[in-house]
C-alpha cells in the first residue's frame, strides 16, 4: 500500500525528450555537375545520367531518367 511518504520517494519516470528542431534527414548520395551553355550539354547530361544510374545499379530507370535530363537541359 502506498502512503504519501512512499509516493514522493518513487523515482521519476523517464519520458522521452522532444528536440526543439526535428533532426535533418540523412544526406542521400548524389552527384552534381555544372554544364556549359552549349548545344553539347544535353548529350553530356544524358551520358552522365546513364553512368550514374549504372553505378548505382538502377539501370531499369535509365530511359525515363535520360528523357527527364534531356527535357531539363532543353528547358534550361
Protein backbone atom coordinates (compact mmCIF):
# COMPACT_ATOMS: atom_id res chain seq x y z
CA UNK A 1 0.00 0.00 0.00
CA UNK A 2 1.30 3.44 -0.86
CA UNK A 3 1.48 6.05 1.77
CA UNK A 4 2.05 9.75 0.99
CA UNK A 5 5.65 9.36 2.11
CA UNK A 6 6.30 6.46 -0.26
CA UNK A 7 4.71 8.31 -3.16
CA UNK A 8 7.37 11.04 -3.07
CA UNK A 9 10.17 8.54 -2.67
CA UNK A 10 9.43 6.94 -6.05
CA UNK A 11 11.90 7.76 -8.82
CA UNK A 12 10.54 9.96 -11.62
CA UNK A 13 9.55 8.19 -14.80
CA UNK A 14 11.80 8.56 -17.81
CA UNK A 15 9.88 10.40 -20.53
CA UNK A 16 11.43 10.94 -23.94
CA UNK A 17 12.74 14.42 -24.52
CA UNK A 18 11.36 16.09 -27.63
CA UNK A 19 14.05 18.03 -29.54
CA UNK A 20 13.43 21.70 -30.31
CA UNK A 21 14.05 21.15 -34.01
CA UNK A 22 13.47 17.97 -36.00
CA UNK A 23 16.57 16.07 -36.97
CA UNK A 24 17.78 16.61 -40.51
CA UNK A 25 17.26 13.63 -42.81
CA UNK A 26 20.41 11.73 -43.66
CA UNK A 27 22.18 13.03 -46.70
CA UNK A 28 21.50 10.95 -49.76
CA UNK A 29 24.39 10.14 -52.02
CA UNK A 30 24.22 12.37 -55.02
CA UNK A 31 26.04 13.76 -57.96
CA UNK A 32 26.41 17.30 -59.15
CA UNK A 33 27.88 18.83 -62.26
CA UNK A 34 27.96 22.17 -64.00
CA UNK A 35 27.42 22.15 -67.73
CA UNK A 36 28.31 24.87 -70.24
CA UNK A 37 25.64 26.80 -72.10
CA UNK A 38 26.13 24.80 -75.26
CA UNK A 39 24.18 22.52 -77.55
CA UNK A 40 26.50 19.67 -76.45
CA UNK A 41 25.33 19.94 -72.82
CA UNK A 42 22.22 17.81 -73.36
CA UNK A 43 24.33 14.91 -74.61
CA UNK A 44 26.76 15.30 -71.73
CA UNK A 45 23.87 15.29 -69.25
CA UNK A 46 22.32 12.17 -70.82
CA UNK A 47 25.63 10.31 -70.67
CA UNK A 48 26.21 11.40 -67.06
CA UNK A 49 22.73 10.18 -66.05
CA UNK A 50 23.34 6.83 -67.74
CA UNK A 51 26.69 6.42 -65.98
CA UNK A 52 25.29 7.40 -62.56
CA UNK A 53 22.34 5.03 -62.85
CA UNK A 54 24.63 2.21 -63.92
CA UNK A 55 26.97 2.92 -60.98
CA UNK A 56 24.08 2.65 -58.51
CA UNK A 57 22.60 -0.43 -60.27
CA UNK A 58 19.48 1.48 -61.30
CA UNK A 59 19.60 0.52 -64.97
CA UNK A 60 15.81 -0.06 -65.29
CA UNK A 61 15.25 3.65 -64.63
CA UNK A 62 17.55 4.73 -67.46
CA UNK A 63 15.02 5.55 -70.22
CA UNK A 64 12.86 7.73 -68.01
CA UNK A 65 15.77 9.47 -66.29
CA UNK A 66 17.58 10.15 -69.57
CA UNK A 67 14.40 11.62 -71.04
CA UNK A 68 13.95 13.83 -67.94
CA UNK A 69 17.56 15.04 -68.12
CA UNK A 70 17.14 15.83 -71.80
CA UNK A 71 13.93 17.77 -71.15
CA UNK A 72 15.54 19.72 -68.32
CA UNK A 73 18.50 20.65 -70.48
CA UNK A 74 16.16 21.70 -73.28
CA UNK A 75 14.23 23.94 -70.91
CA UNK A 76 17.37 25.47 -69.46
